[in-house]
């Protein structure tokens, strides 16, 4: 039998728990990485009052700014294909 001090047992327990937690966390978060800011212009809004850029996928023509509460109207912009959206 291996003789161990109580402090060594606690250290090994905490070490294995931390390693196991890190492995489980990395396994589950591997597929759910944060997505980069997409170039899909239909959901990106820019507030004309406070200059806050935000995403609102529920509205098409009018959107309420989450920072200042003002309503913003969609402006027609030219996208990369040369067409107006």
PDB file of N, CA and C in Angstrom:
ATOM      1  N   UNK A   1       0.838  -1.176   0.000  1.00  0.00           N
ATOM      2  CA  UNK A   1       0.000   0.000   0.000  1.00  0.00           C
ATOM      3  C   UNK A   1       0.884   1.240   0.000  1.00  0.00           C
ATOM      4  N   UNK A   2       0.433   2.234  -0.735  1.00  0.00           N
ATOM      5  CA  UNK A   2       1.182   3.481  -0.842  1.00  0.00           C
ATOM      6  C   UNK A   2       0.722   4.418   0.272  1.00  0.00           C
ATOM      7  N   UNK A   3       1.680   4.942   1.009  1.00  0.00           N
ATOM      8  CA  UNK A   3       1.338   5.874   2.080  1.00  0.00           C
ATOM      9  C   UNK A   3       1.349   7.284   1.515  1.00  0.00           C
ATOM     10  N   UNK A   4       0.258   8.028   1.743  1.00  0.00           N
ATOM     11  CA  UNK A   4       0.142   9.390   1.254  1.00  0.00           C
ATOM     12  C   UNK A   4      -0.352  10.291   2.369  1.00  0.00           C
ATOM     13  N   UNK A   5       0.144  11.480   2.330  1.00  0.00           N
ATOM     14  CA  UNK A   5      -0.294  12.497   3.272  1.00  0.00           C
ATOM     15  C   UNK A   5      -1.660  13.014   2.814  1.00  0.00           C
ATOM     16  N   UNK A   6      -2.452  13.541   3.720  1.00  0.00           N
ATOM     17  CA  UNK A   6      -3.780  14.054   3.378  1.00  0.00           C
ATOM     18  C   UNK A   6      -3.706  15.233   2.411  1.00  0.00           C
ATOM     19  N   UNK A   7      -2.664  16.039   2.521  1.00  0.00           N
ATOM     20  CA  UNK A   7      -2.517  17.168   1.597  1.00  0.00           C
ATOM     21  C   UNK A   7      -2.234  16.684   0.174  1.00  0.00           C
ATOM     22  N   UNK A   8      -1.500  15.588   0.021  1.00  0.00           N
ATOM     23  CA  UNK A   8      -1.236  15.028  -1.298  1.00  0.00           C
ATOM     24  C   UNK A   8      -2.516  14.445  -1.909  1.00  0.00           C
ATOM     25  N   UNK A   9      -3.331  13.818  -1.092  1.00  0.00           N
ATOM     26  CA  UNK A   9      -4.603  13.258  -1.566  1.00  0.00           C
ATOM     27  C   UNK A   9      -5.524  14.383  -2.035  1.00  0.00           C
ATOM     28  N   UNK A  10      -5.613  15.456  -1.251  1.00  0.00           N
ATOM     29  CA  UNK A  10      -6.446  16.591  -1.648  1.00  0.00           C
ATOM     30  C   UNK A  10      -5.923  17.246  -2.926  1.00  0.00           C
ATOM     31  N   UNK A  11      -4.608  17.370  -3.060  1.00  0.00           N
ATOM     32  CA  UNK A  11      -4.025  17.947  -4.262  1.00  0.00           C
ATOM     33  C   UNK A  11      -4.356  17.108  -5.492  1.00  0.00           C
ATOM     34  N   UNK A  12      -4.186  15.788  -5.390  1.00  0.00           N
ATOM     35  CA  UNK A  12      -4.494  14.918  -6.522  1.00  0.00           C
ATOM     36  C   UNK A  12      -5.982  14.945  -6.864  1.00  0.00           C
ATOM     37  N   UNK A  13      -6.843  14.977  -5.869  1.00  0.00           N
ATOM     38  CA  UNK A  13      -8.283  15.055  -6.103  1.00  0.00           C
ATOM     39  C   UNK A  13      -8.645  16.344  -6.845  1.00  0.00           C
ATOM     40  N   UNK A  14      -8.114  17.467  -6.393  1.00  0.00           N
ATOM     41  CA  UNK A  14      -8.405  18.741  -7.053  1.00  0.00           C
ATOM     42  C   UNK A  14      -7.805  18.800  -8.456  1.00  0.00           C
ATOM     43  N   UNK A  15      -6.630  18.240  -8.641  1.00  0.00           N
ATOM     44  CA  UNK A  15      -5.994  18.221  -9.948  1.00  0.00           C
ATOM     45  C   UNK A  15      -6.814  17.404 -10.948  1.00  0.00           C
ATOM     46  N   UNK A  16      -7.219  16.205 -10.559  1.00  0.00           N
ATOM     47  CA  UNK A  16      -8.014  15.373 -11.458  1.00  0.00           C
ATOM     48  C   UNK A  16      -9.388  15.980 -11.733  1.00  0.00           C
ATOM     49  N   UNK A  17      -9.980  16.623 -10.741  1.00  0.00           N
ATOM     50  CA  UNK A  17     -11.264  17.288 -10.937  1.00  0.00           C
ATOM     51  C   UNK A  17     -11.125  18.448 -11.913  1.00  0.00           C
ATOM     52  N   UNK A  18     -10.077  19.233 -11.791  1.00  0.00           N
ATOM     53  CA  UNK A  18      -9.861  20.364 -12.701  1.00  0.00           C
ATOM     54  C   UNK A  18      -9.588  19.877 -14.123  1.00  0.00           C
ATOM     55  N   UNK A  19      -8.785  18.841 -14.269  1.00  0.00           N
ATOM     56  CA  UNK A  19      -8.488  18.305 -15.596  1.00  0.00           C
ATOM     57  C   UNK A  19      -9.750  17.724 -16.232  1.00  0.00           C
ATOM     58  N   UNK A  20     -10.532  16.988 -15.477  1.00  0.00           N
ATOM     59  CA  UNK A  20     -11.771  16.423 -15.993  1.00  0.00           C
ATOM     60  C   UNK A  20     -12.754  17.517 -16.395  1.00  0.00           C
ATOM     61  N   UNK A  21     -12.868  18.561 -15.590  1.00  0.00           N
ATOM     62  CA  UNK A  21     -13.740  19.684 -15.919  1.00  0.00           C
ATOM     63  C   UNK A  21     -13.274  20.380 -17.188  1.00  0.00           C
ATOM     64  N   UNK A  22     -11.985  20.563 -17.358  1.00  0.00           N
ATOM     65  CA  UNK A  22     -11.450  21.178 -18.565  1.00  0.00           C
ATOM     66  C   UNK A  22     -11.714  20.331 -19.804  1.00  0.00           C
ATOM     67  N   UNK A  23     -11.570  19.024 -19.687  1.00  0.00           N
ATOM     68  CA  UNK A  23     -11.835  18.134 -20.823  1.00  0.00           C
ATOM     69  C   UNK A  23     -13.308  18.157 -21.207  1.00  0.00           C
ATOM     70  N   UNK A  24     -14.192  18.094 -20.226  1.00  0.00           N
ATOM     71  CA  UNK A  24     -15.629  18.124 -20.517  1.00  0.00           C
ATOM     72  C   UNK A  24     -16.024  19.466 -21.110  1.00  0.00           C
ATOM     73  N   UNK A  25     -15.512  20.552 -20.572  1.00  0.00           N
ATOM     74  CA  UNK A  25     -15.823  21.880 -21.090  1.00  0.00           C
ATOM     75  C   UNK A  25     -15.349  22.046 -22.529  1.00  0.00           C
ATOM     76  N   UNK A  26     -14.131  21.602 -22.818  1.00  0.00           N
ATOM     77  CA  UNK A  26     -13.619  21.741 -24.185  1.00  0.00           C
ATOM     78  C   UNK A  26     -14.372  20.843 -25.153  1.00  0.00           C
ATOM     79  N   UNK A  27     -14.819  19.680 -24.711  1.00  0.00           N
ATOM     80  CA  UNK A  27     -15.580  18.786 -25.573  1.00  0.00           C
ATOM     81  C   UNK A  27     -16.918  19.403 -25.965  1.00  0.00           C
ATOM     82  N   UNK A  28     -17.631  19.986 -25.017  1.00  0.00           N
ATOM     83  CA  UNK A  28     -18.941  20.549 -25.306  1.00  0.00           C
ATOM     84  C   UNK A  28     -18.870  21.918 -25.963  1.00  0.00           C
ATOM     85  N   UNK A  29     -17.820  22.673 -25.737  1.00  0.00           N
ATOM     86  CA  UNK A  29     -17.742  23.999 -26.339  1.00  0.00           C
ATOM     87  C   UNK A  29     -17.063  23.984 -27.699  1.00  0.00           C
ATOM     88  N   UNK A  30     -16.545  22.848 -28.130  1.00  0.00           N
ATOM     89  CA  UNK A  30     -15.863  22.771 -29.420  1.00  0.00           C
ATOM     90  C   UNK A  30     -16.815  23.070 -30.568  1.00  0.00           C
ATOM     91  N   UNK A  31     -18.028  22.570 -30.525  1.00  0.00           N
ATOM     92  CA  UNK A  31     -18.984  22.787 -31.605  1.00  0.00           C
ATOM     93  C   UNK A  31     -19.746  24.090 -31.496  1.00  0.00           C
ATOM     94  N   UNK A  32     -19.668  24.747 -30.364  1.00  0.00           N
ATOM     95  CA  UNK A  32     -20.450  25.966 -30.169  1.00  0.00           C
ATOM     96  C   UNK A  32     -19.543  27.170 -29.986  1.00  0.00           C
ATOM     97  N   UNK A  33     -18.555  27.299 -30.851  1.00  0.00           N
ATOM     98  CA  UNK A  33     -17.677  28.464 -30.777  1.00  0.00           C
ATOM     99  C   UNK A  33     -18.458  29.711 -31.166  1.00  0.00           C
ATOM    100  N   UNK A  34     -17.989  30.845 -30.685  1.00  0.00           N
ATOM    101  CA  UNK A  34     -18.631  32.090 -31.049  1.00  0.00           C
ATOM    102  C   UNK A  34     -18.455  32.343 -32.534  1.00  0.00           C
ATOM    103  N   UNK A  35     -19.541  32.677 -33.183  1.00  0.00           N
ATOM    104  CA  UNK A  35     -19.479  32.958 -34.605  1.00  0.00           C
ATOM    105  C   UNK A  35     -18.968  34.372 -34.810  1.00  0.00           C
ATOM    106  N   UNK A  36     -18.208  34.539 -35.856  1.00  0.00           N
ATOM    107  CA  UNK A  36     -17.709  35.863 -36.169  1.00  0.00           C
ATOM    108  C   UNK A  36     -18.835  36.710 -36.725  1.00  0.00           C
ATOM    109  N   UNK A  37     -18.636  37.991 -36.732  1.00  0.00           N
ATOM    110  CA  UNK A  37     -19.635  38.920 -37.216  1.00  0.00           C
ATOM    111  C   UNK A  37     -19.858  38.671 -38.701  1.00  0.00           C
ATOM    112  N   UNK A  38     -21.030  38.197 -39.063  1.00  0.00           N
ATOM    113  CA  UNK A  38     -21.283  37.820 -40.447  1.00  0.00           C
ATOM    114  C   UNK A  38     -21.567  39.043 -41.303  1.00  0.00           C
ATOM    115  N   UNK A  39     -21.427  38.861 -42.590  1.00  0.00           N
ATOM    116  CA  UNK A  39     -21.667  39.955 -43.519  1.00  0.00           C
ATOM    117  C   UNK A  39     -23.105  39.972 -44.000  1.00  0.00           C
ATOM    118  N   UNK A  40     -23.997  39.255 -43.339  1.00  0.00           N
ATOM    119  CA  UNK A  40     -25.399  39.232 -43.712  1.00  0.00           C
ATOM    120  C   UNK A  40     -26.031  40.545 -43.274  1.00  0.00           C
ATOM    121  N   UNK A  41     -26.275  41.426 -44.215  1.00  0.00           N
ATOM    122  CA  UNK A  41     -26.692  42.794 -43.910  1.00  0.00           C
ATOM    123  C   UNK A  41     -28.156  42.919 -43.511  1.00  0.00           C
ATOM    124  N   UNK A  42     -28.956  41.878 -43.663  1.00  0.00           N
ATOM    125  CA  UNK A  42     -30.372  42.056 -43.388  1.00  0.00           C
ATOM    126  C   UNK A  42     -30.710  42.128 -41.905  1.00  0.00           C
ATOM    127  N   UNK A  43     -29.790  41.740 -41.041  1.00  0.00           N
ATOM    128  CA  UNK A  43     -30.071  41.774 -39.608  1.00  0.00           C
ATOM    129  C   UNK A  43     -29.194  42.774 -38.848  1.00  0.00           C
ATOM    130  N   UNK A  44     -28.296  43.435 -39.519  1.00  0.00           N
ATOM    131  CA  UNK A  44     -27.392  44.379 -38.869  1.00  0.00           C
ATOM    132  C   UNK A  44     -27.999  45.767 -38.942  1.00  0.00           C
ATOM    133  N   UNK A  45     -28.099  46.422 -37.791  1.00  0.00           N
ATOM    134  CA  UNK A  45     -28.686  47.753 -37.706  1.00  0.00           C
ATOM    135  C   UNK A  45     -27.659  48.712 -37.122  1.00  0.00           C
ATOM    136  N   UNK A  46     -27.754  49.963 -37.512  1.00  0.00           N
ATOM    137  CA  UNK A  46     -26.877  51.014 -36.993  1.00  0.00           C
ATOM    138  C   UNK A  46     -27.771  52.153 -36.515  1.00  0.00           C
ATOM    139  N   UNK A  47     -27.709  52.462 -35.228  1.00  0.00           N
ATOM    140  CA  UNK A  47     -28.560  53.504 -34.655  1.00  0.00           C
ATOM    141  C   UNK A  47     -28.088  54.873 -35.116  1.00  0.00           C
ATOM    142  N   UNK A  48     -29.026  55.686 -35.554  1.00  0.00           N
ATOM    143  CA  UNK A  48     -28.681  57.025 -36.026  1.00  0.00           C
ATOM    144  C   UNK A  48     -28.511  58.019 -34.875  1.00  0.00           C
ATOM    145  N   UNK A  49     -28.953  57.682 -33.678  1.00  0.00           N
ATOM    146  CA  UNK A  49     -28.854  58.584 -32.533  1.00  0.00           C
ATOM    147  C   UNK A  49     -27.567  58.333 -31.736  1.00  0.00           C
ATOM    148  N   UNK A  50     -27.344  57.086 -31.323  1.00  0.00           N
ATOM    149  CA  UNK A  50     -26.197  56.803 -30.458  1.00  0.00           C
ATOM    150  C   UNK A  50     -25.063  56.068 -31.175  1.00  0.00           C
ATOM    151  N   UNK A  51     -25.209  55.791 -32.456  1.00  0.00           N
ATOM    152  CA  UNK A  51     -24.194  55.120 -33.290  1.00  0.00           C
ATOM    153  C   UNK A  51     -23.859  53.713 -32.805  1.00  0.00           C
ATOM    154  N   UNK A  52     -24.824  53.036 -32.211  1.00  0.00           N
ATOM    155  CA  UNK A  52     -24.631  51.672 -31.728  1.00  0.00           C
ATOM    156  C   UNK A  52     -24.992  50.707 -32.847  1.00  0.00           C
ATOM    157  N   UNK A  53     -24.131  49.744 -33.114  1.00  0.00           N
ATOM    158  CA  UNK A  53     -24.407  48.729 -34.121  1.00  0.00           C
ATOM    159  C   UNK A  53     -24.896  47.478 -33.412  1.00  0.00           C
ATOM    160  N   UNK A  54     -26.051  46.951 -33.847  1.00  0.00           N
ATOM    161  CA  UNK A  54     -26.645  45.805 -33.182  1.00  0.00           C
ATOM    162  C   UNK A  54     -27.323  44.914 -34.212  1.00  0.00           C
ATOM    163  N   UNK A  55     -27.695  43.725 -33.793  1.00  0.00           N
ATOM    164  CA  UNK A  55     -28.361  42.755 -34.658  1.00  0.00           C
ATOM    165  C   UNK A  55     -29.785  42.579 -34.162  1.00  0.00           C
ATOM    166  N   UNK A  56     -30.733  42.691 -35.082  1.00  0.00           N
ATOM    167  CA  UNK A  56     -32.143  42.494 -34.768  1.00  0.00           C
ATOM    168  C   UNK A  56     -32.750  41.669 -35.889  1.00  0.00           C
ATOM    169  N   UNK A  57     -33.026  40.404 -35.644  1.00  0.00           N
ATOM    170  CA  UNK A  57     -33.533  39.516 -36.681  1.00  0.00           C
ATOM    171  C   UNK A  57     -35.052  39.458 -36.713  1.00  0.00           C
ATOM    172  N   UNK A  58     -35.714  40.148 -35.815  1.00  0.00           N
ATOM    173  CA  UNK A  58     -37.169  40.078 -35.764  1.00  0.00           C
ATOM    174  C   UNK A  58     -37.852  41.127 -36.621  1.00  0.00           C
ATOM    175  N   UNK A  59     -37.180  42.187 -36.990  1.00  0.00           N
ATOM    176  CA  UNK A  59     -37.820  43.279 -37.704  1.00  0.00           C
ATOM    177  C   UNK A  59     -37.174  43.486 -39.070  1.00  0.00           C
ATOM    178  N   UNK A  60     -37.992  43.925 -40.030  1.00  0.00           N
ATOM    179  CA  UNK A  60     -37.488  44.140 -41.373  1.00  0.00           C
ATOM    180  C   UNK A  60     -37.328  45.615 -41.718  1.00  0.00           C
ATOM    181  N   UNK A  61     -38.283  46.449 -41.336  1.00  0.00           N
ATOM    182  CA  UNK A  61     -38.252  47.860 -41.732  1.00  0.00           C
ATOM    183  C   UNK A  61     -37.896  48.800 -40.580  1.00  0.00           C
ATOM    184  N   UNK A  62     -38.472  48.592 -39.401  1.00  0.00           N
ATOM    185  CA  UNK A  62     -38.194  49.423 -38.228  1.00  0.00           C
ATOM    186  C   UNK A  62     -37.620  48.561 -37.116  1.00  0.00           C
ATOM    187  N   UNK A  63     -36.679  49.117 -36.398  1.00  0.00           N
ATOM    188  CA  UNK A  63     -36.073  48.392 -35.287  1.00  0.00           C
ATOM    189  C   UNK A  63     -35.803  49.360 -34.145  1.00  0.00           C
ATOM    190  N   UNK A  64     -35.923  48.852 -32.927  1.00  0.00           N
ATOM    191  CA  UNK A  64     -35.684  49.671 -31.743  1.00  0.00           C
ATOM    192  C   UNK A  64     -34.278  49.390 -31.223  1.00  0.00           C
ATOM    193  N   UNK A  65     -33.514  50.460 -31.022  1.00  0.00           N
ATOM    194  CA  UNK A  65     -32.143  50.338 -30.535  1.00  0.00           C
ATOM    195  C   UNK A  65     -32.163  49.850 -29.086  1.00  0.00           C
ATOM    196  N   UNK A  66     -31.391  48.806 -28.762  1.00  0.00           N
ATOM    197  CA  UNK A  66     -31.386  48.312 -27.381  1.00  0.00           C
ATOM    198  C   UNK A  66     -30.663  49.236 -26.403  1.00  0.00           C
ATOM    199  N   UNK A  67     -29.812  50.128 -26.898  1.00  0.00           N
ATOM    200  CA  UNK A  67     -29.072  51.021 -26.013  1.00  0.00           C
ATOM    201  C   UNK A  67     -29.871  52.267 -25.655  1.00  0.00           C
ATOM    202  N   UNK A  68     -30.359  53.001 -26.665  1.00  0.00           N
ATOM    203  CA  UNK A  68     -31.024  54.281 -26.374  1.00  0.00           C
ATOM    204  C   UNK A  68     -32.537  54.232 -26.548  1.00  0.00           C
ATOM    205  N   UNK A  69     -33.064  53.184 -27.191  1.00  0.00           N
ATOM    206  CA  UNK A  69     -34.509  53.046 -27.329  1.00  0.00           C
ATOM    207  C   UNK A  69     -35.105  53.773 -28.507  1.00  0.00           C
ATOM    208  N   UNK A  70     -34.314  54.374 -29.367  1.00  0.00           N
ATOM    209  CA  UNK A  70     -34.851  55.081 -30.526  1.00  0.00           C
ATOM    210  C   UNK A  70     -35.158  54.087 -31.648  1.00  0.00           C
ATOM    211  N   UNK A  71     -36.103  54.483 -32.495  1.00  0.00           N
ATOM    212  CA  UNK A  71     -36.478  53.634 -33.612  1.00  0.00           C
ATOM    213  C   UNK A  71     -35.636  53.992 -34.826  1.00  0.00           C
ATOM    214  N   UNK A  72     -35.187  52.984 -35.538  1.00  0.00           N
ATOM    215  CA  UNK A  72     -34.347  53.177 -36.708  1.00  0.00           C
ATOM    216  C   UNK A  72     -35.017  52.548 -37.908  1.00  0.00           C
ATOM    217  N   UNK A  73     -34.895  53.229 -39.042  1.00  0.00           N
ATOM    218  CA  UNK A  73     -35.484  52.747 -40.273  1.00  0.00           C
ATOM    219  C   UNK A  73     -34.380  52.186 -41.158  1.00  0.00           C
ATOM    220  N   UNK A  74     -34.708  51.127 -41.868  1.00  0.00           N
ATOM    221  CA  UNK A  74     -33.726  50.506 -42.744  1.00  0.00           C
ATOM    222  C   UNK A  74     -33.439  51.436 -43.914  1.00  0.00           C
ATOM    223  N   UNK A  75     -32.150  51.603 -44.187  1.00  0.00           N
ATOM    224  CA  UNK A  75     -31.726  52.414 -45.320  1.00  0.00           C
ATOM    225  C   UNK A  75     -31.247  51.466 -46.402  1.00  0.00           C
ATOM    226  N   UNK A  76     -31.521  51.785 -47.648  1.00  0.00           N
ATOM    227  CA  UNK A  76     -31.074  50.944 -48.747  1.00  0.00           C
ATOM    228  C   UNK A  76     -29.579  51.137 -48.940  1.00  0.00           C
ATOM    229  N   UNK A  77     -28.866  50.025 -48.924  1.00  0.00           N
ATOM    230  CA  UNK A  77     -27.421  50.077 -49.102  1.00  0.00           C
ATOM    231  C   UNK A  77     -27.033  49.165 -50.254  1.00  0.00           C
ATOM    232  N   UNK A  78     -25.954  49.481 -50.896  1.00  0.00           N
ATOM    233  CA  UNK A  78     -25.470  48.663 -51.999  1.00  0.00           C
ATOM    234  C   UNK A  78     -24.584  47.566 -51.416  1.00  0.00           C
ATOM    235  N   UNK A  79     -24.913  46.324 -51.745  1.00  0.00           N
ATOM    236  CA  UNK A  79     -24.095  45.220 -51.249  1.00  0.00           C
ATOM    237  C   UNK A  79     -23.002  44.886 -52.258  1.00  0.00           C
ATOM    238  N   UNK A  80     -22.264  43.824 -52.046  1.00  0.00           N
ATOM    239  CA  UNK A  80     -21.101  43.502 -52.850  1.00  0.00           C
ATOM    240  C   UNK A  80     -21.436  43.165 -54.291  1.00  0.00           C
ATOM    241  N   UNK A  81     -22.655  42.743 -54.574  1.00  0.00           N
ATOM    242  CA  UNK A  81     -23.022  42.372 -55.938  1.00  0.00           C
ATOM    243  C   UNK A  81     -23.437  43.568 -56.774  1.00  0.00           C
ATOM    244  N   UNK A  82     -23.533  44.734 -56.174  1.00  0.00           N
ATOM    245  CA  UNK A  82     -23.934  45.926 -56.897  1.00  0.00           C
ATOM    246  C   UNK A  82     -25.439  46.147 -56.883  1.00  0.00           C
ATOM    247  N   UNK A  83     -26.168  45.265 -56.223  1.00  0.00           N
ATOM    248  CA  UNK A  83     -27.611  45.391 -56.144  1.00  0.00           C
ATOM    249  C   UNK A  83     -27.982  46.092 -54.843  1.00  0.00           C
ATOM    250  N   UNK A  84     -29.116  46.771 -54.848  1.00  0.00           N
ATOM    251  CA  UNK A  84     -29.576  47.460 -53.645  1.00  0.00           C
ATOM    252  C   UNK A  84     -30.479  46.535 -52.854  1.00  0.00           C
ATOM    253  N   UNK A  85     -30.307  46.528 -51.545  1.00  0.00           N
ATOM    254  CA  UNK A  85     -31.148  45.689 -50.697  1.00  0.00           C
ATOM    255  C   UNK A  85     -32.098  46.553 -49.885  1.00  0.00           C
TER     256      UNK A  85
END
